[in-house]
Amino acid sequence: MGLPAAAVLACMGSGLAQAACTQNDIKLKYTEIGQLIQAEMAGSLSNAQAMMTQMHMIQDQMTTGEINSDQFCRQYDALIREMKTR
C-alpha cells in the first residue's frame, strides 16, 4: 500500500501546512485503514477487497484533483468508521 500513499502525498503540494488535514494526518489515517484491512482479511477476503477498492477510489480522487486534502481526510474518516462497524 506504500506506493499509492506516496502518490497521494506527492499530489498535496506545499500548501498542505495551512490545511486542516496535514500530511501526517493522512499518513496516520492511511496506516489505520491498512491495519483494518489486514484484520478484515482474516475474516472476510471479499470485505477486505471492498475496503481496498473504496480506499483506492478516494486516493484516485485526490491524485486527480477531484478532492482536496480536507475532503480526502473526511472521506478516509468515514471509511474508517465504516470499517470499524463491520
Protein backbone atom coordinates (compact mmCIF):
# COMPACT_ATOMS: atom_id res chain seq x y z
CA MET A 1 0.00 0.00 0.00
CA GLY A 2 3.01 2.31 0.19
CA LEU A 3 3.12 3.37 -3.45
CA PRO A 4 -0.43 4.76 -3.71
CA ALA A 5 0.03 6.65 -0.44
CA ALA A 6 3.25 8.18 -1.76
CA ALA A 7 1.45 9.29 -4.92
CA VAL A 8 -1.34 10.88 -2.91
CA LEU A 9 1.08 12.65 -0.60
CA ALA A 10 3.11 13.92 -3.55
CA CYS A 11 -0.01 15.49 -5.06
CA MET A 12 -0.74 17.51 -1.96
CA GLY A 13 1.76 20.27 -2.69
CA SER A 14 3.45 22.81 -0.47
CA GLY A 15 0.23 24.47 0.74
CA LEU A 16 -0.52 21.47 2.92
CA ALA A 17 0.89 23.09 6.08
CA GLN A 18 -2.03 25.54 6.01
CA ALA A 19 -4.67 22.84 5.56
CA ALA A 20 -6.68 21.49 8.47
CA CYS A 21 -5.74 17.98 7.39
CA THR A 22 -1.97 17.63 7.37
CA GLN A 23 0.29 15.19 5.58
CA ASN A 24 0.86 13.49 8.93
CA ASP A 25 -2.92 13.15 9.44
CA ILE A 26 -3.18 11.42 6.08
CA LYS A 27 -0.31 9.08 6.90
CA LEU A 28 -1.96 8.10 10.18
CA LYS A 29 -5.33 7.51 8.52
CA TYR A 30 -3.70 5.50 5.74
CA THR A 31 -1.92 3.34 8.32
CA GLU A 32 -5.13 2.79 10.28
CA ILE A 33 -7.04 1.78 7.15
CA GLY A 34 -4.25 -0.63 6.24
CA GLN A 35 -4.46 -2.23 9.68
CA LEU A 36 -8.24 -2.51 9.46
CA ILE A 37 -7.99 -4.14 6.03
CA GLN A 38 -5.40 -6.61 7.32
CA ALA A 39 -7.66 -7.53 10.22
CA GLU A 40 -10.64 -7.94 7.90
CA MET A 41 -8.68 -10.29 5.63
CA ALA A 42 -8.69 -12.90 8.38
CA GLY A 43 -12.48 -12.91 8.48
CA SER A 44 -13.69 -11.96 5.03
CA LEU A 45 -11.49 -11.55 2.00
CA SER A 46 -14.37 -10.08 -0.01
CA ASN A 47 -15.00 -7.39 2.62
CA ALA A 48 -11.27 -6.61 2.71
CA GLN A 49 -11.22 -6.26 -1.07
CA ALA A 50 -14.25 -3.96 -0.97
CA MET A 51 -12.49 -1.79 1.61
CA MET A 52 -9.36 -1.62 -0.55
CA THR A 53 -11.45 -0.62 -3.53
CA GLN A 54 -13.03 2.23 -1.57
CA MET A 55 -9.61 3.33 -0.28
CA HIS A 56 -8.19 3.39 -3.81
CA MET A 57 -11.17 5.34 -5.14
CA ILE A 58 -10.54 8.05 -2.54
CA GLN A 59 -6.83 8.07 -3.37
CA ASP A 60 -7.61 8.39 -7.08
CA GLN A 61 -9.89 11.36 -6.40
CA MET A 62 -7.07 13.08 -4.53
CA THR A 63 -4.48 12.25 -7.18
CA THR A 64 -6.66 13.64 -9.98
CA GLY A 65 -7.53 16.78 -8.03
CA GLU A 66 -11.23 15.97 -7.64
CA ILE A 67 -10.93 16.46 -3.88
CA ASN A 68 -8.59 18.45 -1.64
CA SER A 69 -6.74 17.22 1.43
CA ASP A 70 -9.55 18.17 3.83
CA GLN A 71 -12.11 16.29 1.73
CA PHE A 72 -9.67 13.39 1.49
CA CYS A 73 -9.39 13.20 5.28
CA ARG A 74 -13.16 13.40 5.74
CA GLN A 75 -13.66 10.53 3.29
CA TYR A 76 -10.94 8.47 4.97
CA ASP A 77 -12.55 9.17 8.37
CA ALA A 78 -15.89 7.94 7.02
CA LEU A 79 -14.24 4.82 5.61
CA ILE A 80 -12.51 4.13 8.95
CA ARG A 81 -15.84 4.48 10.79
CA GLU A 82 -17.49 2.12 8.31
CA MET A 83 -14.70 -0.42 8.67
CA LYS A 84 -14.89 -0.35 12.46
CA THR A 85 -18.63 -1.09 12.43
CA ARG A 86 -18.30 -4.23 10.26
